[in-house]
Amino acid sequence: MITIDISKAKEVWKDKIRTKRVKALKTLDLDFMKAQETSSDTTSIVADKQTLRDLPSQVDTATTTDEIKAVWNDMLGDKE
């Protein structure tokens, strides 16, 4: 019987999220700077950045591998 270490699975998935969000956060940082230069509203950019920062902590509440994999955001791109 194959058993999955949920704690290890959570750590692996959080690392994957952290790796994938680097590019997304850089893009949002550029968008933020451009918005500031033109005095545009940055509210949605700030919210998107916070969403990405909160993803790893959402993995902690998962109890199955399906719940772990469900913690994702389109801003991260493909799960591959």
Protein backbone atom coordinates (compact mmCIF):
# COMPACT_ATOMS: atom_id res chain seq x y z
CA MET A 1 0.00 0.00 0.00
CA ILE A 2 1.25 3.43 -0.92
CA THR A 3 0.96 6.07 1.75
CA ILE A 4 1.55 9.76 1.30
CA ASP A 5 3.18 11.89 3.95
CA ILE A 6 0.76 14.84 4.00
CA SER A 7 3.24 17.08 5.83
CA LYS A 8 5.89 16.44 3.19
CA ALA A 9 3.33 16.92 0.39
CA LYS A 10 2.38 20.29 1.87
CA GLU A 11 6.00 21.41 1.99
CA VAL A 12 6.62 20.30 -1.60
CA TRP A 13 3.50 22.15 -2.81
CA LYS A 14 4.37 25.32 -0.86
CA ASP A 15 7.85 25.28 -2.41
CA LYS A 16 6.25 24.92 -5.85
CA ILE A 17 3.98 27.89 -5.16
CA ARG A 18 6.88 29.99 -3.89
CA THR A 19 8.96 29.18 -6.97
CA LYS A 20 6.13 29.95 -9.40
CA ARG A 21 5.08 33.18 -7.70
CA VAL A 22 8.48 34.84 -8.11
CA LYS A 23 7.76 35.70 -11.74
CA ALA A 24 4.18 36.74 -10.99
CA LEU A 25 5.29 39.05 -8.17
CA LYS A 26 7.96 40.64 -10.37
CA THR A 27 5.32 41.35 -13.01
CA LEU A 28 3.01 42.85 -10.40
CA ASP A 29 5.88 44.95 -9.03
CA LEU A 30 6.43 46.40 -12.50
CA ASP A 31 2.71 47.02 -12.91
CA PHE A 32 2.68 48.76 -9.53
CA MET A 33 5.57 51.05 -10.44
CA LYS A 34 3.97 51.93 -13.78
CA ALA A 35 0.68 52.68 -12.05
CA GLN A 36 2.43 54.92 -9.53
CA GLU A 37 4.16 56.82 -12.31
CA THR A 38 0.80 57.68 -13.85
CA SER A 39 -1.01 58.13 -10.50
CA SER A 40 -3.28 55.20 -11.37
CA ASP A 41 -5.12 53.13 -8.78
CA THR A 42 -2.95 50.35 -7.36
CA THR A 43 -5.60 48.68 -5.20
CA SER A 44 -6.06 45.61 -7.39
CA ILE A 45 -2.30 45.16 -7.83
CA VAL A 46 -1.76 45.26 -4.07
CA ALA A 47 -4.60 42.76 -3.58
CA ASP A 48 -3.14 40.40 -6.19
CA LYS A 49 0.27 40.53 -4.52
CA GLN A 50 -1.30 39.71 -1.16
CA THR A 51 -3.23 36.82 -2.69
CA LEU A 52 0.04 35.33 -3.93
CA ARG A 53 1.70 35.84 -0.55
CA ASP A 54 -1.17 34.09 1.25
CA LEU A 55 -1.16 30.93 -0.87
CA PRO A 56 1.46 28.95 1.11
CA SER A 57 -0.43 29.43 4.38
CA GLN A 58 -3.61 28.14 2.71
CA VAL A 59 -1.84 24.84 2.07
CA ASP A 60 -1.49 24.36 5.84
CA THR A 61 -5.25 23.82 6.26
CA ALA A 62 -5.43 21.11 3.59
CA THR A 63 -5.94 17.55 4.79
CA THR A 64 -5.76 15.61 1.51
CA THR A 65 -3.57 15.72 -1.57
CA ASP A 66 -6.55 16.95 -3.61
CA GLU A 67 -7.04 19.85 -1.20
CA ILE A 68 -3.32 20.63 -1.37
CA LYS A 69 -3.38 20.71 -5.18
CA ALA A 70 -6.48 22.92 -5.12
CA VAL A 71 -4.43 25.72 -3.55
CA TRP A 72 -3.34 27.49 -6.70
CA ASN A 73 -3.97 30.74 -8.52
CA ASP A 74 -4.06 31.44 -12.24
CA MET A 75 -1.46 34.20 -11.76
CA LEU A 76 1.06 31.41 -11.09
CA GLY A 77 0.55 29.89 -14.51
CA ASP A 78 0.33 26.16 -15.14
CA LYS A 79 0.74 23.72 -12.27
CA GLU A 80 3.31 21.76 -14.31
